[in-house]
Amino acid sequence: MNKISQWIKTYSEENKIKTLVVGVSGGVDSAVISTLCVLTGLDVLVVNMPIYQNKTLDSLSDQHISWLVQNYKNVQSKKIDLTSCFDSFSGVFTEKDKDELSLANSRARLRMTTLYQLAATNSGIVVGTGNKVEDFGVGFFTKYGDGGVDISPIANLMKTEVWELAKSLGISDEIIEAAPTDGLWNDGRTDEDQLGAPYSEIEKAMIYSEENSLTEYTPTTDEKFNTTLKTYWYHRSKNLHKMIPIPVYYEEK
């Protein structure tokens, strides 16, 4: 059994968890996590939660879930269309109180709420799908959305490592080769569109920053690399509040 699957299983057994709940988006991260969860032998509930979903992503999600159900006996699946729920939610706000970004984040938070509803009724936990670049590098996740999870099994793996793991797990090439996207935008923009650089380049900037103990953007002699490094630090600085503990006031005594 994969070491990560064993880690998930050990954690679950020690905490008397009966069910692993995973949101399956159609992307490689959730495909890897759902497969790793299934390999534990524990009951796994995989959930597709479309909200005005891109047809390709929705199809890839359904395809991966079908593959899991056909190949493993410990899998149950649900498809819960949250489009009407999202419409009702967004409809109570005036235009002043909503914009494209806030509504995109609300989609992620509705999905998180759905996963926790299912986890609560199945004696389960919500298993996170974030990788190291997203969770600890540029903060590319929704606070209390896809960032709201109980455990994060691949949060110490770079995106390129996730792709390699996906190949070894037998996940379809169509999912592995699909352009990464969070699926939260009606225009279908990809992660690269939002980040301004491929994951492989963002990873290099993250590794360089960690190895050199950088706390802010510091230019190098490589002008081409500086562009990526600046992009990395732009996102990291903007999203650092997601990656640190919640500030708490303590009165001095």
C-alpha atoms as a PDB file:
ATOM      1  CA  MET A   1       0.000   0.000   0.000  1.00  0.00           C
ATOM      2  CA  ASN A   2       1.194   3.511  -0.775  1.00  0.00           C
ATOM      3  CA  LYS A   3       2.786   5.175   2.275  1.00  0.00           C
ATOM      4  CA  ILE A   4       0.306   8.058   2.072  1.00  0.00           C
ATOM      5  CA  SER A   5      -2.635   5.648   2.032  1.00  0.00           C
ATOM      6  CA  GLN A   6      -1.200   3.899   5.077  1.00  0.00           C
ATOM      7  CA  TRP A   7      -0.868   7.258   6.828  1.00  0.00           C
ATOM      8  CA  ILE A   8      -4.527   8.072   6.073  1.00  0.00           C
ATOM      9  CA  LYS A   9      -5.603   4.636   7.315  1.00  0.00           C
ATOM     10  CA  THR A  10      -3.577   4.877  10.534  1.00  0.00           C
ATOM     11  CA  TYR A  11      -4.934   8.343  11.298  1.00  0.00           C
ATOM     12  CA  SER A  12      -8.499   7.228  10.637  1.00  0.00           C
ATOM     13  CA  GLU A  13      -8.251   4.103  12.776  1.00  0.00           C
ATOM     14  CA  GLU A  14      -6.626   5.963  15.659  1.00  0.00           C
ATOM     15  CA  ASN A  15      -9.445   8.511  15.573  1.00  0.00           C
ATOM     16  CA  LYS A  16     -12.243   5.987  14.980  1.00  0.00           C
ATOM     17  CA  ILE A  17     -13.126   7.443  11.580  1.00  0.00           C
ATOM     18  CA  LYS A  18     -15.412   5.241   9.487  1.00  0.00           C
ATOM     19  CA  THR A  19     -15.684   7.177   6.231  1.00  0.00           C
ATOM     20  CA  LEU A  20     -13.359   9.299   4.105  1.00  0.00           C
ATOM     21  CA  VAL A  21     -15.195  12.038   2.211  1.00  0.00           C
ATOM     22  CA  VAL A  22     -13.580  13.535  -0.882  1.00  0.00           C
ATOM     23  CA  GLY A  23     -14.786  16.171  -3.309  1.00  0.00           C
ATOM     24  CA  VAL A  24     -13.851  15.113  -6.838  1.00  0.00           C
ATOM     25  CA  SER A  25     -13.469  18.077  -9.173  1.00  0.00           C
ATOM     26  CA  GLY A  26     -12.142  16.436 -12.335  1.00  0.00           C
ATOM     27  CA  GLY A  27      -8.596  17.586 -11.610  1.00  0.00           C
ATOM     28  CA  VAL A  28      -5.521  15.515 -10.867  1.00  0.00           C
ATOM     29  CA  ASP A  29      -5.240  16.438  -7.165  1.00  0.00           C
ATOM     30  CA  SER A  30      -8.692  15.173  -6.227  1.00  0.00           C
ATOM     31  CA  ALA A  31      -8.249  12.139  -8.478  1.00  0.00           C
ATOM     32  CA  VAL A  32      -5.044  11.228  -6.630  1.00  0.00           C
ATOM     33  CA  ILE A  33      -6.534  11.817  -3.167  1.00  0.00           C
ATOM     34  CA  SER A  34      -9.713   9.849  -3.844  1.00  0.00           C
ATOM     35  CA  THR A  35      -7.651   6.942  -5.170  1.00  0.00           C
ATOM     36  CA  LEU A  36      -5.280   7.014  -2.186  1.00  0.00           C
ATOM     37  CA  CYS A  37      -8.290   7.001   0.132  1.00  0.00           C
ATOM     38  CA  VAL A  38      -9.811   4.014  -1.633  1.00  0.00           C
ATOM     39  CA  LEU A  39      -6.544   2.091  -1.251  1.00  0.00           C
ATOM     40  CA  THR A  40      -6.885   2.301   2.546  1.00  0.00           C
ATOM     41  CA  GLY A  41      -9.732  -0.206   2.373  1.00  0.00           C
ATOM     42  CA  LEU A  42     -11.917   2.139   4.437  1.00  0.00           C
ATOM     43  CA  ASP A  43     -15.313   3.316   3.230  1.00  0.00           C
ATOM     44  CA  VAL A  44     -14.911   6.242   0.859  1.00  0.00           C
ATOM     45  CA  LEU A  45     -17.590   8.671  -0.279  1.00  0.00           C
ATOM     46  CA  VAL A  46     -16.628  10.595  -3.418  1.00  0.00           C
ATOM     47  CA  VAL A  47     -18.714  13.603  -4.355  1.00  0.00           C
ATOM     48  CA  ASN A  48     -19.097  15.631  -7.533  1.00  0.00           C
ATOM     49  CA  MET A  49     -20.626  19.048  -6.761  1.00  0.00           C
ATOM     50  CA  PRO A  50     -21.167  21.014  -9.973  1.00  0.00           C
ATOM     51  CA  ILE A  51     -22.048  24.701  -9.850  1.00  0.00           C
ATOM     52  CA  TYR A  52     -22.362  25.993 -13.420  1.00  0.00           C
ATOM     53  CA  GLN A  53     -19.556  23.507 -14.016  1.00  0.00           C
ATOM     54  CA  ASN A  54     -17.422  23.441 -17.119  1.00  0.00           C
ATOM     55  CA  LYS A  55     -18.663  20.433 -19.109  1.00  0.00           C
ATOM     56  CA  THR A  56     -15.173  18.991 -19.539  1.00  0.00           C
ATOM     57  CA  LEU A  57     -14.423  19.145 -15.819  1.00  0.00           C
ATOM     58  CA  ASP A  58     -17.808  17.694 -14.937  1.00  0.00           C
ATOM     59  CA  SER A  59     -17.242  14.859 -17.401  1.00  0.00           C
ATOM     60  CA  LEU A  60     -13.748  14.136 -16.016  1.00  0.00           C
ATOM     61  CA  SER A  61     -15.135  14.075 -12.485  1.00  0.00           C
ATOM     62  CA  ASP A  62     -17.883  11.617 -13.470  1.00  0.00           C
ATOM     63  CA  GLN A  63     -15.351   9.543 -15.412  1.00  0.00           C
ATOM     64  CA  HIS A  64     -12.963   9.212 -12.474  1.00  0.00           C
ATOM     65  CA  ILE A  65     -15.752   8.442 -10.014  1.00  0.00           C
ATOM     66  CA  SER A  66     -17.092   5.728 -12.347  1.00  0.00           C
ATOM     67  CA  TRP A  67     -13.576   4.239 -12.574  1.00  0.00           C
ATOM     68  CA  LEU A  68     -13.324   4.103  -8.790  1.00  0.00           C
ATOM     69  CA  VAL A  69     -16.781   2.568  -8.349  1.00  0.00           C
ATOM     70  CA  GLN A  70     -16.115  -0.073 -11.006  1.00  0.00           C
ATOM     71  CA  ASN A  71     -12.741  -1.076  -9.595  1.00  0.00           C
ATOM     72  CA  TYR A  72     -13.177  -0.834  -5.831  1.00  0.00           C
ATOM     73  CA  LYS A  73     -15.924  -2.199  -3.598  1.00  0.00           C
ATOM     74  CA  ASN A  74     -15.396   0.316  -0.761  1.00  0.00           C
ATOM     75  CA  VAL A  75     -16.553   3.332  -2.798  1.00  0.00           C
ATOM     76  CA  GLN A  76     -19.876   5.130  -2.741  1.00  0.00           C
ATOM     77  CA  SER A  77     -20.584   8.173  -4.861  1.00  0.00           C
ATOM     78  CA  LYS A  78     -22.909  11.148  -4.940  1.00  0.00           C
ATOM     79  CA  LYS A  79     -23.500  13.884  -7.463  1.00  0.00           C
ATOM     80  CA  ILE A  80     -25.048  16.935  -5.842  1.00  0.00           C
ATOM     81  CA  ASP A  81     -25.783  19.825  -8.181  1.00  0.00           C
ATOM     82  CA  LEU A  82     -25.395  22.976  -6.089  1.00  0.00           C
ATOM     83  CA  THR A  83     -26.266  25.415  -8.865  1.00  0.00           C
ATOM     84  CA  SER A  84     -29.733  26.284  -7.514  1.00  0.00           C
ATOM     85  CA  CYS A  85     -28.320  26.556  -3.996  1.00  0.00           C
ATOM     86  CA  PHE A  86     -25.657  28.950  -5.263  1.00  0.00           C
ATOM     87  CA  ASP A  87     -28.251  30.976  -7.157  1.00  0.00           C
ATOM     88  CA  SER A  88     -30.391  31.292  -4.015  1.00  0.00           C
ATOM     89  CA  PHE A  89     -27.374  32.317  -1.963  1.00  0.00           C
ATOM     90  CA  SER A  90     -26.076  34.931  -4.409  1.00  0.00           C
ATOM     91  CA  GLY A  91     -29.593  36.217  -5.047  1.00  0.00           C
ATOM     92  CA  VAL A  92     -29.981  37.645  -1.537  1.00  0.00           C
ATOM     93  CA  PHE A  93     -27.121  40.115  -2.085  1.00  0.00           C
ATOM     94  CA  THR A  94     -27.188  43.428  -3.897  1.00  0.00           C
ATOM     95  CA  GLU A  95     -24.660  44.003  -6.671  1.00  0.00           C
ATOM     96  CA  LYS A  96     -22.694  46.149  -4.224  1.00  0.00           C
ATOM     97  CA  ASP A  97     -22.192  43.185  -1.921  1.00  0.00           C
ATOM     98  CA  LYS A  98     -20.908  40.687  -4.484  1.00  0.00           C
ATOM     99  CA  ASP A  99     -18.292  40.550  -7.196  1.00  0.00           C
ATOM    100  CA  GLU A 100     -16.773  37.846  -9.387  1.00  0.00           C
ATOM    101  CA  LEU A 101     -14.062  36.839  -6.920  1.00  0.00           C
ATOM    102  CA  SER A 102     -16.331  36.742  -3.869  1.00  0.00           C
ATOM    103  CA  LEU A 103     -18.858  34.595  -5.722  1.00  0.00           C
ATOM    104  CA  ALA A 104     -16.123  32.238  -6.923  1.00  0.00           C
ATOM    105  CA  ASN A 105     -14.987  31.790  -3.320  1.00  0.00           C
ATOM    106  CA  SER A 106     -18.591  31.259  -2.230  1.00  0.00           C
ATOM    107  CA  ARG A 107     -18.827  28.340  -4.643  1.00  0.00           C
ATOM    108  CA  ALA A 108     -15.877  26.703  -2.885  1.00  0.00           C
ATOM    109  CA  ARG A 109     -17.419  27.356   0.537  1.00  0.00           C
ATOM    110  CA  LEU A 110     -20.755  25.833  -0.476  1.00  0.00           C
ATOM    111  CA  ARG A 111     -18.879  22.716  -1.553  1.00  0.00           C
ATOM    112  CA  MET A 112     -17.011  22.612   1.744  1.00  0.00           C
ATOM    113  CA  THR A 113     -20.311  22.872   3.654  1.00  0.00           C
ATOM    114  CA  THR A 114     -21.725  20.017   1.571  1.00  0.00           C
ATOM    115  CA  LEU A 115     -18.741  17.765   2.271  1.00  0.00           C
ATOM    116  CA  TYR A 116     -18.981  18.409   6.009  1.00  0.00           C
ATOM    117  CA  GLN A 117     -22.712  17.682   5.947  1.00  0.00           C
ATOM    118  CA  LEU A 118     -21.965  14.307   4.404  1.00  0.00           C
ATOM    119  CA  ALA A 119     -19.027  13.661   6.727  1.00  0.00           C
ATOM    120  CA  ALA A 120     -21.181  14.376   9.773  1.00  0.00           C
ATOM    121  CA  THR A 121     -23.865  11.894   8.723  1.00  0.00           C
ATOM    122  CA  ASN A 122     -21.378   9.172   7.781  1.00  0.00           C
ATOM    123  CA  SER A 123     -19.025   9.269  10.791  1.00  0.00           C
ATOM    124  CA  GLY A 124     -16.410  10.659   8.477  1.00  0.00           C
ATOM    125  CA  ILE A 125     -13.809  13.315   7.835  1.00  0.00           C
ATOM    126  CA  VAL A 126     -13.207  15.608   4.887  1.00  0.00           C
ATOM    127  CA  VAL A 127      -9.952  14.779   3.133  1.00  0.00           C
ATOM    128  CA  GLY A 128      -8.153  17.756   1.569  1.00  0.00           C
ATOM    129  CA  THR A 129      -6.836  17.777  -1.980  1.00  0.00           C
ATOM    130  CA  GLY A 130      -4.374  20.680  -1.816  1.00  0.00           C
ATOM    131  CA  ASN A 131      -0.723  20.278  -2.789  1.00  0.00           C
ATOM    132  CA  LYS A 132       2.349  22.000  -1.315  1.00  0.00           C
ATOM    133  CA  VAL A 133       2.526  24.814  -3.867  1.00  0.00           C
ATOM    134  CA  GLU A 134      -1.094  25.785  -3.285  1.00  0.00           C
ATOM    135  CA  ASP A 135      -1.276  25.229   0.465  1.00  0.00           C
ATOM    136  CA  PHE A 136       2.112  26.539   1.605  1.00  0.00           C
ATOM    137  CA  GLY A 137       3.551  28.444  -1.321  1.00  0.00           C
ATOM    138  CA  VAL A 138       1.152  30.838  -3.027  1.00  0.00           C
ATOM    139  CA  GLY A 139      -1.988  30.210  -0.948  1.00  0.00           C
ATOM    140  CA  PHE A 140      -3.978  29.261  -4.029  1.00  0.00           C
ATOM    141  CA  PHE A 141      -7.107  28.065  -2.261  1.00  0.00           C
ATOM    142  CA  THR A 142     -10.279  29.496  -0.776  1.00  0.00           C
ATOM    143  CA  LYS A 143     -10.092  30.179   2.933  1.00  0.00           C
ATOM    144  CA  TYR A 144     -12.737  27.953   4.582  1.00  0.00           C
ATOM    145  CA  GLY A 145     -13.550  26.615   1.128  1.00  0.00           C
ATOM    146  CA  ASP A 146     -11.283  23.953  -0.344  1.00  0.00           C
ATOM    147  CA  GLY A 147      -8.946  24.983   2.485  1.00  0.00           C
ATOM    148  CA  GLY A 148     -11.503  23.741   5.028  1.00  0.00           C
ATOM    149  CA  VAL A 149     -10.484  20.115   5.584  1.00  0.00           C
ATOM    150  CA  ASP A 150      -9.624  17.645   8.343  1.00  0.00           C
ATOM    151  CA  ILE A 151      -6.450  16.128   6.913  1.00  0.00           C
ATOM    152  CA  SER A 152      -4.182  17.057   3.983  1.00  0.00           C
ATOM    153  CA  PRO A 153      -2.394  13.949   2.701  1.00  0.00           C
ATOM    154  CA  ILE A 154      -0.593  15.509  -0.295  1.00  0.00           C
ATOM    155  CA  ALA A 155       0.092  18.962   1.140  1.00  0.00           C
ATOM    156  CA  ASN A 156       3.795  18.081   1.260  1.00  0.00           C
ATOM    157  CA  LEU A 157       3.945  17.143  -2.433  1.00  0.00           C
ATOM    158  CA  MET A 158       4.756  19.577  -5.229  1.00  0.00           C
ATOM    159  CA  LYS A 159       2.317  19.650  -8.145  1.00  0.00           C
ATOM    160  CA  THR A 160       4.815  17.875 -10.392  1.00  0.00           C
ATOM    161  CA  GLU A 161       5.087  15.111  -7.754  1.00  0.00           C
ATOM    162  CA  VAL A 162       1.292  14.784  -7.736  1.00  0.00           C
ATOM    163  CA  TRP A 163       1.332  14.252 -11.507  1.00  0.00           C
ATOM    164  CA  GLU A 164       3.952  11.514 -11.112  1.00  0.00           C
ATOM    165  CA  LEU A 165       1.939   9.861  -8.343  1.00  0.00           C
ATOM    166  CA  ALA A 166      -1.165   9.985 -10.537  1.00  0.00           C
ATOM    167  CA  LYS A 167       0.633   7.994 -13.228  1.00  0.00           C
ATOM    168  CA  SER A 168       1.668   5.305 -10.752  1.00  0.00           C
ATOM    169  CA  LEU A 169      -1.918   5.046  -9.469  1.00  0.00           C
ATOM    170  CA  GLY A 170      -3.301   4.402 -12.939  1.00  0.00           C
ATOM    171  CA  ILE A 171      -5.305   7.614 -13.171  1.00  0.00           C
ATOM    172  CA  SER A 172      -6.392   8.410 -16.715  1.00  0.00           C
ATOM    173  CA  ASP A 173      -4.076  10.384 -18.986  1.00  0.00           C
ATOM    174  CA  GLU A 174      -6.996  12.668 -19.806  1.00  0.00           C
ATOM    175  CA  ILE A 175      -7.104  13.873 -16.191  1.00  0.00           C
ATOM    176  CA  ILE A 176      -3.320  14.023 -15.812  1.00  0.00           C
ATOM    177  CA  GLU A 177      -2.875  16.017 -19.010  1.00  0.00           C
ATOM    178  CA  ALA A 178      -5.815  18.397 -18.477  1.00  0.00           C
ATOM    179  CA  ALA A 179      -4.898  22.010 -17.778  1.00  0.00           C
ATOM    180  CA  PRO A 180      -5.167  22.531 -13.986  1.00  0.00           C
ATOM    181  CA  THR A 181      -8.137  24.674 -12.983  1.00  0.00           C
ATOM    182  CA  ASP A 182     -10.109  25.329  -9.814  1.00  0.00           C
ATOM    183  CA  GLY A 183     -13.347  25.316 -11.819  1.00  0.00           C
ATOM    184  CA  LEU A 184     -14.761  28.336  -9.982  1.00  0.00           C
ATOM    185  CA  TRP A 185     -15.076  30.711 -12.936  1.00  0.00           C
ATOM    186  CA  ASN A 186     -17.677  30.838 -15.678  1.00  0.00           C
ATOM    187  CA  ASP A 187     -15.043  31.741 -18.279  1.00  0.00           C
ATOM    188  CA  GLY A 188     -13.117  28.523 -17.612  1.00  0.00           C
ATOM    189  CA  ARG A 189      -9.846  30.223 -16.711  1.00  0.00           C
ATOM    190  CA  THR A 190      -7.027  27.880 -15.735  1.00  0.00           C
ATOM    191  CA  ASP A 191      -4.733  27.966 -12.710  1.00  0.00           C
ATOM    192  CA  GLU A 192      -1.940  29.218 -14.965  1.00  0.00           C
ATOM    193  CA  ASP A 193      -4.187  32.064 -16.135  1.00  0.00           C
ATOM    194  CA  GLN A 194      -4.709  33.069 -12.513  1.00  0.00           C
ATOM    195  CA  LEU A 195      -1.166  32.493 -11.264  1.00  0.00           C
ATOM    196  CA  GLY A 196       0.571  33.941 -14.295  1.00  0.00           C
ATOM    197  CA  ALA A 197       3.052  31.048 -14.542  1.00  0.00           C
ATOM    198  CA  PRO A 198       3.086  27.235 -14.860  1.00  0.00           C
ATOM    199  CA  TYR A 199       3.238  25.179 -11.676  1.00  0.00           C
ATOM    200  CA  SER A 200       6.708  23.903 -12.610  1.00  0.00           C
ATOM    201  CA  GLU A 201       8.050  27.469 -12.633  1.00  0.00           C
ATOM    202  CA  ILE A 202       6.209  28.468  -9.458  1.00  0.00           C
ATOM    203  CA  GLU A 203       7.763  25.420  -7.777  1.00  0.00           C
ATOM    204  CA  LYS A 204      11.264  26.569  -8.731  1.00  0.00           C
ATOM    205  CA  ALA A 205      10.578  29.969  -7.189  1.00  0.00           C
ATOM    206  CA  MET A 206       9.216  28.349  -4.031  1.00  0.00           C
ATOM    207  CA  ILE A 207      12.212  26.048  -3.649  1.00  0.00           C
ATOM    208  CA  TYR A 208      14.651  28.905  -4.308  1.00  0.00           C
ATOM    209  CA  SER A 209      12.896  31.104  -1.735  1.00  0.00           C
ATOM    210  CA  GLU A 210      12.967  28.358   0.897  1.00  0.00           C
ATOM    211  CA  GLU A 211      16.609  27.447   0.250  1.00  0.00           C
ATOM    212  CA  ASN A 212      17.640  31.092   0.546  1.00  0.00           C
ATOM    213  CA  SER A 213      15.340  31.871   3.510  1.00  0.00           C
ATOM    214  CA  LEU A 214      13.667  34.723   1.655  1.00  0.00           C
ATOM    215  CA  THR A 215      10.938  36.680   3.414  1.00  0.00           C
ATOM    216  CA  GLU A 216      10.115  38.904   0.452  1.00  0.00           C
ATOM    217  CA  TYR A 217      10.854  39.250  -3.243  1.00  0.00           C
ATOM    218  CA  THR A 218      14.580  39.646  -3.728  1.00  0.00           C
ATOM    219  CA  PRO A 219      15.816  39.868  -7.334  1.00  0.00           C
ATOM    220  CA  THR A 220      18.550  37.587  -8.649  1.00  0.00           C
ATOM    221  CA  THR A 221      20.992  38.012 -11.526  1.00  0.00           C
ATOM    222  CA  ASP A 222      18.696  35.907 -13.724  1.00  0.00           C
ATOM    223  CA  GLU A 223      16.207  38.358 -15.224  1.00  0.00           C
ATOM    224  CA  LYS A 224      13.991  35.621 -16.681  1.00  0.00           C
ATOM    225  CA  PHE A 225      13.768  33.818 -13.333  1.00  0.00           C
ATOM    226  CA  ASN A 226      13.047  37.124 -11.603  1.00  0.00           C
ATOM    227  CA  THR A 227       9.737  37.350 -13.435  1.00  0.00           C
ATOM    228  CA  THR A 228       8.584  34.047 -11.952  1.00  0.00           C
ATOM    229  CA  LEU A 229      10.069  34.866  -8.553  1.00  0.00           C
ATOM    230  CA  LYS A 230       8.203  38.166  -8.485  1.00  0.00           C
ATOM    231  CA  THR A 231       4.968  36.375  -9.457  1.00  0.00           C
ATOM    232  CA  TYR A 232       5.482  33.845  -6.683  1.00  0.00           C
ATOM    233  CA  TRP A 233       6.022  36.531  -4.053  1.00  0.00           C
ATOM    234  CA  TYR A 234       3.100  38.587  -5.303  1.00  0.00           C
ATOM    235  CA  HIS A 235       0.699  35.712  -4.630  1.00  0.00           C
ATOM    236  CA  ARG A 236       2.455  34.576  -1.450  1.00  0.00           C
ATOM    237  CA  SER A 237       2.377  38.050   0.117  1.00  0.00           C
ATOM    238  CA  LYS A 238      -1.262  38.579  -0.827  1.00  0.00           C
ATOM    239  CA  ASN A 239      -2.372  35.185   0.515  1.00  0.00           C
ATOM    240  CA  LEU A 240      -0.105  34.767   3.535  1.00  0.00           C
ATOM    241  CA  HIS A 241      -3.068  35.330   5.879  1.00  0.00           C
ATOM    242  CA  LYS A 242      -4.463  31.970   4.701  1.00  0.00           C
ATOM    243  CA  MET A 243      -1.291  30.097   5.593  1.00  0.00           C
ATOM    244  CA  ILE A 244      -0.638  31.308   9.126  1.00  0.00           C
ATOM    245  CA  PRO A 245      -2.556  30.636  12.362  1.00  0.00           C
ATOM    246  CA  ILE A 246      -5.533  32.887  13.085  1.00  0.00           C
ATOM    247  CA  PRO A 247      -4.290  35.915  15.052  1.00  0.00           C
ATOM    248  CA  VAL A 248      -5.446  35.939  18.662  1.00  0.00           C
ATOM    249  CA  TYR A 249      -5.270  38.892  21.026  1.00  0.00           C
ATOM    250  CA  TYR A 250      -3.653  38.208  24.396  1.00  0.00           C
ATOM    251  CA  GLU A 251      -3.708  40.891  27.028  1.00  0.00           C
ATOM    252  CA  GLU A 252      -0.339  41.484  28.597  1.00  0.00           C
ATOM    253  CA  LYS A 253      -0.204  40.723  32.321  1.00  0.00           C
END
